[in-house]
Amino acid sequence: CRAYTVSQRMTLLIRNQDGSLSRTVSNYDTWESKGGHRMSFVLRQTE
């Protein structure tokens, strides 16, 4: 009733020009008040 908690996870597997593969994982989490004036956040990305 007072806020939105958002969790986003994206996993990408990318093939590069030389044929190698890279795996990237992004984790992004926020808490945002419904009035829109307060927010907390954390972003982590791994390769």
All heavy atoms as atom14 arrays in JSON, in Angstrom:
{
  "sequence": "CRAYTVSQRMTLLIRNQDGSLSRTVSNYDTWESKGGHRMSFVLRQTE",
  "atom14_mask": [
    [1, 1, 1, 1, 1, 1, 0, 0, 0, 0, 0, 0, 0, 0],
    [1, 1, 1, 1, 1, 1, 1, 1, 1, 1, 1, 0, 0, 0],
    [1, 1, 1, 1, 1, 0, 0, 0, 0, 0, 0, 0, 0, 0],
    [1, 1, 1, 1, 1, 1, 1, 1, 1, 1, 1, 1, 0, 0],
    [1, 1, 1, 1, 1, 1, 1, 0, 0, 0, 0, 0, 0, 0],
    [1, 1, 1, 1, 1, 1, 1, 0, 0, 0, 0, 0, 0, 0],
    [1, 1, 1, 1, 1, 1, 0, 0, 0, 0, 0, 0, 0, 0],
    [1, 1, 1, 1, 1, 1, 1, 1, 1, 0, 0, 0, 0, 0],
    [1, 1, 1, 1, 1, 1, 1, 1, 1, 1, 1, 0, 0, 0],
    [1, 1, 1, 1, 1, 1, 1, 1, 0, 0, 0, 0, 0, 0],
    [1, 1, 1, 1, 1, 1, 1, 0, 0, 0, 0, 0, 0, 0],
    [1, 1, 1, 1, 1, 1, 1, 1, 0, 0, 0, 0, 0, 0],
    [1, 1, 1, 1, 1, 1, 1, 1, 0, 0, 0, 0, 0, 0],
    [1, 1, 1, 1, 1, 1, 1, 1, 0, 0, 0, 0, 0, 0],
    [1, 1, 1, 1, 1, 1, 1, 1, 1, 1, 1, 0, 0, 0],
    [1, 1, 1, 1, 1, 1, 1, 1, 0, 0, 0, 0, 0, 0],
    [1, 1, 1, 1, 1, 1, 1, 1, 1, 0, 0, 0, 0, 0],
    [1, 1, 1, 1, 1, 1, 1, 1, 0, 0, 0, 0, 0, 0],
    [1, 1, 1, 1, 0, 0, 0, 0, 0, 0, 0, 0, 0, 0],
    [1, 1, 1, 1, 1, 1, 0, 0, 0, 0, 0, 0, 0, 0],
    [1, 1, 1, 1, 1, 1, 1, 1, 0, 0, 0, 0, 0, 0],
    [1, 1, 1, 1, 1, 1, 0, 0, 0, 0, 0, 0, 0, 0],
    [1, 1, 1, 1, 1, 1, 1, 1, 1, 1, 1, 0, 0, 0],
    [1, 1, 1, 1, 1, 1, 1, 0, 0, 0, 0, 0, 0, 0],
    [1, 1, 1, 1, 1, 1, 1, 0, 0, 0, 0, 0, 0, 0],
    [1, 1, 1, 1, 1, 1, 0, 0, 0, 0, 0, 0, 0, 0],
    [1, 1, 1, 1, 1, 1, 1, 1, 0, 0, 0, 0, 0, 0],
    [1, 1, 1, 1, 1, 1, 1, 1, 1, 1, 1, 1, 0, 0],
    [1, 1, 1, 1, 1, 1, 1, 1, 0, 0, 0, 0, 0, 0],
    [1, 1, 1, 1, 1, 1, 1, 0, 0, 0, 0, 0, 0, 0],
    [1, 1, 1, 1, 1, 1, 1, 1, 1, 1, 1, 1, 1, 1],
    [1, 1, 1, 1, 1, 1, 1, 1, 1, 0, 0, 0, 0, 0],
    [1, 1, 1, 1, 1, 1, 0, 0, 0, 0, 0, 0, 0, 0],
    [1, 1, 1, 1, 1, 1, 1, 1, 1, 0, 0, 0, 0, 0],
    [1, 1, 1, 1, 0, 0, 0, 0, 0, 0, 0, 0, 0, 0],
    [1, 1, 1, 1, 0, 0, 0, 0, 0, 0, 0, 0, 0, 0],
    [1, 1, 1, 1, 1, 1, 1, 1, 1, 1, 0, 0, 0, 0],
    [1, 1, 1, 1, 1, 1, 1, 1, 1, 1, 1, 0, 0, 0],
    [1, 1, 1, 1, 1, 1, 1, 1, 0, 0, 0, 0, 0, 0],
    [1, 1, 1, 1, 1, 1, 0, 0, 0, 0, 0, 0, 0, 0],
    [1, 1, 1, 1, 1, 1, 1, 1, 1, 1, 1, 0, 0, 0],
    [1, 1, 1, 1, 1, 1, 1, 0, 0, 0, 0, 0, 0, 0],
    [1, 1, 1, 1, 1, 1, 1, 1, 0, 0, 0, 0, 0, 0],
    [1, 1, 1, 1, 1, 1, 1, 1, 1, 1, 1, 0, 0, 0],
    [1, 1, 1, 1, 1, 1, 1, 1, 1, 0, 0, 0, 0, 0],
    [1, 1, 1, 1, 1, 1, 1, 0, 0, 0, 0, 0, 0, 0],
    [1, 1, 1, 1, 1, 1, 1, 1, 1, 0, 0, 0, 0, 0]
  ],
  "atom14_positions": [
    [[0.81, -1.21, 0.0], [0.0, 0.0, 0.0], [0.85, 1.27, 0.0], [0.35, 2.34, -0.35], [-0.93, 0.0, 1.21], [-2.24, -1.25, 1.09], [0.0, 0.0, 0.0], [0.0, 0.0, 0.0], [0.0, 0.0, 0.0], [0.0, 0.0, 0.0], [0.0, 0.0, 0.0], [0.0, 0.0, 0.0], [0.0, 0.0, 0.0], [0.0, 0.0, 0.0]],
    [[2.11, 1.16, 0.38], [2.95, 2.36, 0.49], [4.12, 2.4, -0.48], [4.75, 3.44, -0.65], [3.49, 2.5, 1.91], [2.4, 2.76, 2.96], [3.01, 2.95, 4.33], [1.97, 3.27, 5.32], [1.56, 4.49, 5.58], [2.08, 5.52, 4.93], [0.62, 4.7, 6.49], [0.0, 0.0, 0.0], [0.0, 0.0, 0.0], [0.0, 0.0, 0.0]],
    [[4.44, 1.27, -1.12], [5.68, 1.26, -1.9], [5.65, 0.14, -2.95], [4.79, -0.75, -2.94], [6.88, 1.07, -0.98], [0.0, 0.0, 0.0], [0.0, 0.0, 0.0], [0.0, 0.0, 0.0], [0.0, 0.0, 0.0], [0.0, 0.0, 0.0], [0.0, 0.0, 0.0], [0.0, 0.0, 0.0], [0.0, 0.0, 0.0], [0.0, 0.0, 0.0]],
    [[6.65, 0.23, -3.86], [6.93, -0.83, -4.82], [8.34, -1.34, -4.56], [9.28, -0.56, -4.41], [6.87, -0.31, -6.25], [5.52, 0.18, -6.7], [5.25, 1.54, -6.74], [4.53, -0.71, -7.11], [4.01, 2.01, -7.16], [3.3, -0.26, -7.53], [3.04, 1.11, -7.56], [1.83, 1.57, -7.97], [0.0, 0.0, 0.0], [0.0, 0.0, 0.0]],
    [[8.49, -2.66, -4.5], [9.8, -3.29, -4.45], [10.03, -4.0, -5.76], [9.23, -4.86, -6.15], [9.89, -4.28, -3.28], [9.65, -3.59, -2.05], [11.28, -4.91, -3.23], [0.0, 0.0, 0.0], [0.0, 0.0, 0.0], [0.0, 0.0, 0.0], [0.0, 0.0, 0.0], [0.0, 0.0, 0.0], [0.0, 0.0, 0.0], [0.0, 0.0, 0.0]],
    [[11.09, -3.63, -6.46], [11.35, -4.15, -7.81], [12.65, -4.94, -7.8], [13.67, -4.47, -7.28], [11.44, -3.0, -8.83], [11.72, -3.56, -10.23], [10.16, -2.18, -8.84], [0.0, 0.0, 0.0], [0.0, 0.0, 0.0], [0.0, 0.0, 0.0], [0.0, 0.0, 0.0], [0.0, 0.0, 0.0], [0.0, 0.0, 0.0], [0.0, 0.0, 0.0]],
    [[12.61, -6.12, -8.39], [13.8, -6.94, -8.55], [13.92, -7.34, -10.01], [12.98, -7.89, -10.59], [13.71, -8.2, -7.67], [14.85, -9.01, -7.84], [0.0, 0.0, 0.0], [0.0, 0.0, 0.0], [0.0, 0.0, 0.0], [0.0, 0.0, 0.0], [0.0, 0.0, 0.0], [0.0, 0.0, 0.0], [0.0, 0.0, 0.0], [0.0, 0.0, 0.0]],
    [[15.07, -7.02, -10.6], [15.29, -7.31, -12.01], [16.58, -8.11, -12.16], [17.63, -7.73, -11.64], [15.39, -6.01, -12.79], [15.71, -6.21, -14.27], [15.89, -4.87, -14.96], [14.99, -4.04, -14.95], [17.05, -4.65, -15.54], [0.0, 0.0, 0.0], [0.0, 0.0, 0.0], [0.0, 0.0, 0.0], [0.0, 0.0, 0.0], [0.0, 0.0, 0.0]],
    [[16.5, -9.22, -12.86], [17.69, -10.04, -13.11], [17.78, -10.31, -14.61], [16.83, -10.8, -15.22], [17.62, -11.36, -12.35], [18.82, -12.29, -12.59], [18.66, -13.58, -11.81], [19.74, -14.54, -12.11], [20.9, -14.58, -11.48], [21.15, -13.71, -10.51], [21.82, -15.49, -11.8], [0.0, 0.0, 0.0], [0.0, 0.0, 0.0], [0.0, 0.0, 0.0]],
    [[18.93, -9.98, -15.19], [19.15, -10.2, -16.61], [20.44, -10.98, -16.81], [21.49, -10.6, -16.28], [19.2, -8.89, -17.38], [19.39, -9.07, -18.88], [18.99, -7.59, -19.85], [20.16, -6.4, -19.19], [0.0, 0.0, 0.0], [0.0, 0.0, 0.0], [0.0, 0.0, 0.0], [0.0, 0.0, 0.0], [0.0, 0.0, 0.0], [0.0, 0.0, 0.0]],
    [[20.36, -12.06, -17.55], [21.52, -12.87, -17.89], [21.72, -12.82, -19.4], [20.8, -13.12, -20.16], [21.32, -14.33, -17.45], [21.09, -14.37, -16.04], [22.55, -15.17, -17.77], [0.0, 0.0, 0.0], [0.0, 0.0, 0.0], [0.0, 0.0, 0.0], [0.0, 0.0, 0.0], [0.0, 0.0, 0.0], [0.0, 0.0, 0.0], [0.0, 0.0, 0.0]],
    [[22.93, -12.44, -19.83], [23.26, -12.35, -21.25], [24.46, -13.23, -21.56], [25.46, -13.23, -20.83], [23.6, -10.91, -21.65], [22.48, -9.87, -21.65], [23.05, -8.51, -22.06], [21.38, -10.29, -22.61], [0.0, 0.0, 0.0], [0.0, 0.0, 0.0], [0.0, 0.0, 0.0], [0.0, 0.0, 0.0], [0.0, 0.0, 0.0], [0.0, 0.0, 0.0]],
    [[24.37, -13.98, -22.65], [25.49, -14.75, -23.17], [25.82, -14.17, -24.54], [24.99, -14.21, -25.45], [25.13, -16.23, -23.29], [26.25, -17.17, -23.72], [27.37, -17.17, -22.68], [25.73, -18.58, -23.94], [0.0, 0.0, 0.0], [0.0, 0.0, 0.0], [0.0, 0.0, 0.0], [0.0, 0.0, 0.0], [0.0, 0.0, 0.0], [0.0, 0.0, 0.0]],
    [[27.01, -13.58, -24.65], [27.39, -12.85, -25.86], [28.56, -13.56, -26.54], [29.55, -13.9, -25.89], [27.78, -11.4, -25.52], [26.57, -10.67, -24.92], [28.29, -10.66, -26.76], [26.9, -9.28, -24.42], [0.0, 0.0, 0.0], [0.0, 0.0, 0.0], [0.0, 0.0, 0.0], [0.0, 0.0, 0.0], [0.0, 0.0, 0.0], [0.0, 0.0, 0.0]],
    [[28.45, -13.78, -27.85], [29.54, -14.33, -28.64], [30.29, -13.18, -29.3], [29.71, -12.36, -30.02], [29.02, -15.3, -29.71], [30.15, -15.98, -30.5], [29.64, -17.07, -31.42], [28.84, -16.51, -32.5], [27.55, -16.74, -32.66], [26.89, -17.46, -31.78], [26.9, -16.2, -33.68], [0.0, 0.0, 0.0], [0.0, 0.0, 0.0], [0.0, 0.0, 0.0]],
    [[31.58, -13.07, -29.04], [32.4, -11.98, -29.54], [32.97, -12.31, -30.92], [32.86, -13.44, -31.42], [33.53, -11.7, -28.55], [32.99, -11.36, -27.17], [32.25, -10.42, -27.0], [33.35, -12.18, -26.17], [0.0, 0.0, 0.0], [0.0, 0.0, 0.0], [0.0, 0.0, 0.0], [0.0, 0.0, 0.0], [0.0, 0.0, 0.0], [0.0, 0.0, 0.0]],
    [[33.6, -11.3, -31.53], [34.11, -11.44, -32.9], [35.12, -12.58, -33.02], [35.16, -13.28, -34.03], [34.75, -10.13, -33.34], [35.24, -10.11, -34.78], [35.88, -8.79, -35.14], [36.21, -8.0, -34.26], [36.06, -8.53, -36.42], [0.0, 0.0, 0.0], [0.0, 0.0, 0.0], [0.0, 0.0, 0.0], [0.0, 0.0, 0.0], [0.0, 0.0, 0.0]],
    [[35.92, -12.79, -31.97], [36.94, -13.85, -32.02], [36.39, -15.23, -31.68], [37.13, -16.21, -31.58], [38.1, -13.52, -31.07], [37.66, -13.39, -29.61], [36.47, -13.66, -29.33], [38.5, -13.04, -28.78], [0.0, 0.0, 0.0], [0.0, 0.0, 0.0], [0.0, 0.0, 0.0], [0.0, 0.0, 0.0], [0.0, 0.0, 0.0], [0.0, 0.0, 0.0]],
    [[35.07, -15.32, -31.48], [34.45, -16.59, -31.18], [34.31, -16.91, -29.71], [33.66, -17.89, -29.34], [0.0, 0.0, 0.0], [0.0, 0.0, 0.0], [0.0, 0.0, 0.0], [0.0, 0.0, 0.0], [0.0, 0.0, 0.0], [0.0, 0.0, 0.0], [0.0, 0.0, 0.0], [0.0, 0.0, 0.0], [0.0, 0.0, 0.0], [0.0, 0.0, 0.0]],
    [[34.92, -16.1, -28.84], [34.82, -16.32, -27.41], [33.43, -15.94, -26.9], [32.72, -15.14, -27.52], [35.88, -15.52, -26.66], [35.68, -14.12, -26.84], [0.0, 0.0, 0.0], [0.0, 0.0, 0.0], [0.0, 0.0, 0.0], [0.0, 0.0, 0.0], [0.0, 0.0, 0.0], [0.0, 0.0, 0.0], [0.0, 0.0, 0.0], [0.0, 0.0, 0.0]],
    [[33.06, -16.51, -25.76], [31.77, -16.23, -25.14], [31.97, -15.49, -23.83], [32.89, -15.8, -23.06], [31.01, -17.53, -24.88], [30.61, -18.37, -26.09], [29.96, -19.67, -25.62], [29.67, -17.61, -27.01], [0.0, 0.0, 0.0], [0.0, 0.0, 0.0], [0.0, 0.0, 0.0], [0.0, 0.0, 0.0], [0.0, 0.0, 0.0], [0.0, 0.0, 0.0]],
    [[31.11, -14.5, -23.57], [31.13, -13.79, -22.29], [29.73, -13.84, -21.69], [28.74, -13.65, -22.39], [31.58, -12.34, -22.46], [30.73, -11.64, -23.36], [0.0, 0.0, 0.0], [0.0, 0.0, 0.0], [0.0, 0.0, 0.0], [0.0, 0.0, 0.0], [0.0, 0.0, 0.0], [0.0, 0.0, 0.0], [0.0, 0.0, 0.0], [0.0, 0.0, 0.0]],
    [[29.68, -14.11, -20.39], [28.4, -14.22, -19.68], [28.3, -13.09, -18.67], [29.17, -12.94, -17.81], [28.28, -15.57, -18.97], [26.94, -15.8, -18.25], [26.89, -17.23, -17.71], [25.61, -17.53, -17.09], [25.35, -17.36, -15.8], [26.3, -16.9, -14.99], [24.16, -17.66, -15.31], [0.0, 0.0, 0.0], [0.0, 0.0, 0.0], [0.0, 0.0, 0.0]],
    [[27.26, -12.28, -18.8], [27.04, -11.14, -17.92], [25.73, -11.34, -17.18], [24.71, -11.65, -17.78], [26.99, -9.82, -18.71], [28.22, -9.62, -19.4], [26.74, -8.64, -17.79], [0.0, 0.0, 0.0], [0.0, 0.0, 0.0], [0.0, 0.0, 0.0], [0.0, 0.0, 0.0], [0.0, 0.0, 0.0], [0.0, 0.0, 0.0], [0.0, 0.0, 0.0]],
    [[25.78, -11.15, -15.86], [24.58, -11.25, -15.03], [24.4, -9.92, -14.3], [25.31, -9.45, -13.61], [24.68, -12.39, -14.0], [23.41, -12.43, -13.14], [24.9, -13.73, -14.71], [0.0, 0.0, 0.0], [0.0, 0.0, 0.0], [0.0, 0.0, 0.0], [0.0, 0.0, 0.0], [0.0, 0.0, 0.0], [0.0, 0.0, 0.0], [0.0, 0.0, 0.0]],
    [[23.24, -9.29, -14.47], [22.92, -8.03, -13.81], [21.78, -8.25, -12.82], [20.72, -8.79, -13.19], [22.5, -6.96, -14.83], [23.55, -6.68, -15.73], [0.0, 0.0, 0.0], [0.0, 0.0, 0.0], [0.0, 0.0, 0.0], [0.0, 0.0, 0.0], [0.0, 0.0, 0.0], [0.0, 0.0, 0.0], [0.0, 0.0, 0.0], [0.0, 0.0, 0.0]],
    [[21.99, -7.85, -11.59], [20.95, -7.9, -10.55], [20.7, -6.47, -10.08], [21.62, -5.79, -9.64], [21.41, -8.76, -9.37], [21.44, -10.23, -9.73], [20.41, -10.87, -9.82], [22.64, -10.77, -9.94], [0.0, 0.0, 0.0], [0.0, 0.0, 0.0], [0.0, 0.0, 0.0], [0.0, 0.0, 0.0], [0.0, 0.0, 0.0], [0.0, 0.0, 0.0]],
    [[19.44, -6.05, -10.15], [19.07, -4.67, -9.87], [17.83, -4.69, -9.0], [16.8, -5.25, -9.37], [18.82, -3.96, -11.2], [18.21, -2.58, -11.14], [18.84, -1.55, -10.45], [17.03, -2.31, -11.82], [18.28, -0.28, -10.42], [16.48, -1.04, -11.81], [17.11, -0.03, -11.11], [16.56, 1.23, -11.08], [0.0, 0.0, 0.0], [0.0, 0.0, 0.0]],
    [[17.95, -4.1, -7.8], [16.84, -4.11, -6.85], [16.57, -2.7, -6.34], [17.52, -1.97, -6.01], [17.16, -5.03, -5.65], [17.39, -6.46, -6.07], [16.4, -7.17, -6.32], [18.56, -6.86, -6.17], [0.0, 0.0, 0.0], [0.0, 0.0, 0.0], [0.0, 0.0, 0.0], [0.0, 0.0, 0.0], [0.0, 0.0, 0.0], [0.0, 0.0, 0.0]],
    [[15.3, -2.33, -6.26], [14.93, -1.01, -5.75], [13.73, -1.12, -4.83], [12.91, -2.04, -4.93], [14.57, -0.02, -6.89], [13.42, -0.51, -7.59], [15.73, 0.15, -7.86], [0.0, 0.0, 0.0], [0.0, 0.0, 0.0], [0.0, 0.0, 0.0], [0.0, 0.0, 0.0], [0.0, 0.0, 0.0], [0.0, 0.0, 0.0], [0.0, 0.0, 0.0]],
    [[13.64, -0.15, -3.93], [12.44, 0.1, -3.14], [12.06, 1.54, -3.4], [12.89, 2.44, -3.29], [12.71, -0.11, -1.65], [11.54, 0.23, -0.76], [10.6, -0.62, -0.29], [11.18, 1.53, -0.25], [9.67, 0.04, 0.47], [10.0, 1.37, 0.52], [11.73, 2.8, -0.37], [9.39, 2.46, 1.16], [11.11, 3.87, 0.26], [9.95, 3.69, 1.02]],
    [[10.8, 1.78, -3.77], [10.37, 3.15, -4.12], [9.01, 3.44, -3.48], [8.06, 2.67, -3.64], [10.26, 3.29, -5.63], [9.86, 4.67, -6.11], [9.79, 4.77, -7.63], [10.49, 3.99, -8.32], [9.01, 5.61, -8.12], [0.0, 0.0, 0.0], [0.0, 0.0, 0.0], [0.0, 0.0, 0.0], [0.0, 0.0, 0.0], [0.0, 0.0, 0.0]],
    [[8.94, 4.54, -2.75], [7.67, 4.91, -2.13], [6.66, 5.26, -3.22], [7.01, 5.77, -4.28], [7.86, 6.11, -1.21], [8.22, 7.28, -1.94], [0.0, 0.0, 0.0], [0.0, 0.0, 0.0], [0.0, 0.0, 0.0], [0.0, 0.0, 0.0], [0.0, 0.0, 0.0], [0.0, 0.0, 0.0], [0.0, 0.0, 0.0], [0.0, 0.0, 0.0]],
    [[5.38, 4.98, -2.95], [4.36, 5.25, -3.95], [4.19, 6.74, -4.21], [3.76, 7.14, -5.3], [3.02, 4.63, -3.53], [2.93, 3.15, -3.84], [1.5, 2.65, -3.72], [1.37, 1.25, -4.26], [-0.02, 0.75, -4.18], [0.0, 0.0, 0.0], [0.0, 0.0, 0.0], [0.0, 0.0, 0.0], [0.0, 0.0, 0.0], [0.0, 0.0, 0.0]],
    [[4.53, 7.57, -3.23], [4.47, 9.0, -3.46], [5.57, 9.49, -4.39], [5.52, 10.61, -4.89], [0.0, 0.0, 0.0], [0.0, 0.0, 0.0], [0.0, 0.0, 0.0], [0.0, 0.0, 0.0], [0.0, 0.0, 0.0], [0.0, 0.0, 0.0], [0.0, 0.0, 0.0], [0.0, 0.0, 0.0], [0.0, 0.0, 0.0], [0.0, 0.0, 0.0]],
    [[6.59, 8.64, -4.62], [7.64, 8.96, -5.59], [8.76, 9.82, -5.07], [9.58, 10.3, -5.87], [0.0, 0.0, 0.0], [0.0, 0.0, 0.0], [0.0, 0.0, 0.0], [0.0, 0.0, 0.0], [0.0, 0.0, 0.0], [0.0, 0.0, 0.0], [0.0, 0.0, 0.0], [0.0, 0.0, 0.0], [0.0, 0.0, 0.0], [0.0, 0.0, 0.0]],
    [[8.88, 10.01, -3.74], [9.89, 10.92, -3.22], [11.06, 10.24, -2.53], [12.06, 10.89, -2.2], [9.24, 11.89, -2.22], [8.14, 12.71, -2.83], [8.3, 13.4, -4.01], [6.85, 12.93, -2.43], [7.18, 14.03, -4.3], [6.28, 13.75, -3.37], [0.0, 0.0, 0.0], [0.0, 0.0, 0.0], [0.0, 0.0, 0.0], [0.0, 0.0, 0.0]],
    [[10.98, 8.91, -2.31], [12.06, 8.2, -1.64], [12.36, 6.9, -2.38], [11.46, 6.24, -2.91], [11.68, 7.88, -0.19], [11.55, 9.12, 0.7], [11.18, 8.71, 2.12], [9.84, 8.14, 2.16], [9.48, 7.1, 2.92], [10.39, 6.49, 3.67], [8.23, 6.66, 2.92], [0.0, 0.0, 0.0], [0.0, 0.0, 0.0], [0.0, 0.0, 0.0]],
    [[13.64, 6.53, -2.37], [14.06, 5.34, -3.11], [15.35, 4.81, -2.5], [16.21, 5.56, -2.06], [14.28, 5.68, -4.58], [14.88, 4.58, -5.42], [15.22, 5.18, -7.11], [16.15, 3.79, -7.75], [0.0, 0.0, 0.0], [0.0, 0.0, 0.0], [0.0, 0.0, 0.0], [0.0, 0.0, 0.0], [0.0, 0.0, 0.0], [0.0, 0.0, 0.0]],
    [[15.49, 3.49, -2.49], [16.76, 2.85, -2.2], [17.07, 1.89, -3.35], [16.15, 1.4, -4.03], [16.73, 2.1, -0.86], [15.75, 1.09, -0.87], [0.0, 0.0, 0.0], [0.0, 0.0, 0.0], [0.0, 0.0, 0.0], [0.0, 0.0, 0.0], [0.0, 0.0, 0.0], [0.0, 0.0, 0.0], [0.0, 0.0, 0.0], [0.0, 0.0, 0.0]],
    [[18.35, 1.61, -3.58], [18.72, 0.85, -4.76], [20.02, 0.09, -4.53], [20.87, 0.49, -3.74], [18.88, 1.78, -5.96], [19.94, 2.84, -5.79], [21.25, 2.61, -6.18], [19.62, 4.05, -5.2], [22.23, 3.58, -6.0], [20.59, 5.04, -5.01], [21.9, 4.79, -5.41], [0.0, 0.0, 0.0], [0.0, 0.0, 0.0], [0.0, 0.0, 0.0]],
    [[20.17, -1.0, -5.26], [21.43, -1.73, -5.32], [21.54, -2.37, -6.69], [20.58, -2.96, -7.2], [21.53, -2.78, -4.18], [20.39, -3.78, -4.25], [22.88, -3.49, -4.24], [0.0, 0.0, 0.0], [0.0, 0.0, 0.0], [0.0, 0.0, 0.0], [0.0, 0.0, 0.0], [0.0, 0.0, 0.0], [0.0, 0.0, 0.0], [0.0, 0.0, 0.0]],
    [[22.71, -2.23, -7.31], [22.98, -2.8, -8.63], [24.28, -3.58, -8.56], [25.3, -3.07, -8.1], [23.13, -1.69, -9.69], [23.68, -2.13, -11.05], [22.69, -3.03, -11.78], [24.04, -0.91, -11.9], [0.0, 0.0, 0.0], [0.0, 0.0, 0.0], [0.0, 0.0, 0.0], [0.0, 0.0, 0.0], [0.0, 0.0, 0.0], [0.0, 0.0, 0.0]],
    [[24.23, -4.84, -9.0], [25.43, -5.67, -9.09], [25.47, -6.3, -10.47], [24.47, -6.83, -10.94], [25.44, -6.76, -8.02], [25.56, -6.23, -6.6], [25.67, -7.38, -5.61], [25.8, -6.88, -4.24], [24.78, -6.64, -3.43], [23.54, -6.84, -3.86], [24.98, -6.19, -2.21], [0.0, 0.0, 0.0], [0.0, 0.0, 0.0], [0.0, 0.0, 0.0]],
    [[26.62, -6.24, -11.1], [26.8, -6.86, -12.4], [28.07, -7.69, -12.37], [29.11, -7.23, -11.89], [26.89, -5.81, -13.5], [27.02, -6.4, -14.91], [26.87, -5.34, -15.98], [25.88, -4.59, -15.98], [27.82, -5.26, -16.88], [0.0, 0.0, 0.0], [0.0, 0.0, 0.0], [0.0, 0.0, 0.0], [0.0, 0.0, 0.0], [0.0, 0.0, 0.0]],
    [[27.98, -8.92, -12.86], [29.13, -9.81, -12.85], [29.43, -10.29, -14.26], [28.53, -10.45, -15.08], [28.91, -11.03, -11.94], [27.82, -11.81, -12.46], [28.58, -10.6, -10.52], [0.0, 0.0, 0.0], [0.0, 0.0, 0.0], [0.0, 0.0, 0.0], [0.0, 0.0, 0.0], [0.0, 0.0, 0.0], [0.0, 0.0, 0.0], [0.0, 0.0, 0.0]],
    [[30.71, -10.52, -14.51], [31.17, -11.13, -15.75], [32.12, -12.25, -15.38], [33.13, -12.02, -14.72], [31.86, -10.1, -16.65], [30.92, -9.04, -17.21], [31.62, -8.07, -18.14], [32.82, -8.27, -18.38], [30.96, -7.13, -18.61], [0.0, 0.0, 0.0], [0.0, 0.0, 0.0], [0.0, 0.0, 0.0], [0.0, 0.0, 0.0], [0.0, 0.0, 0.0]]
  ]
}
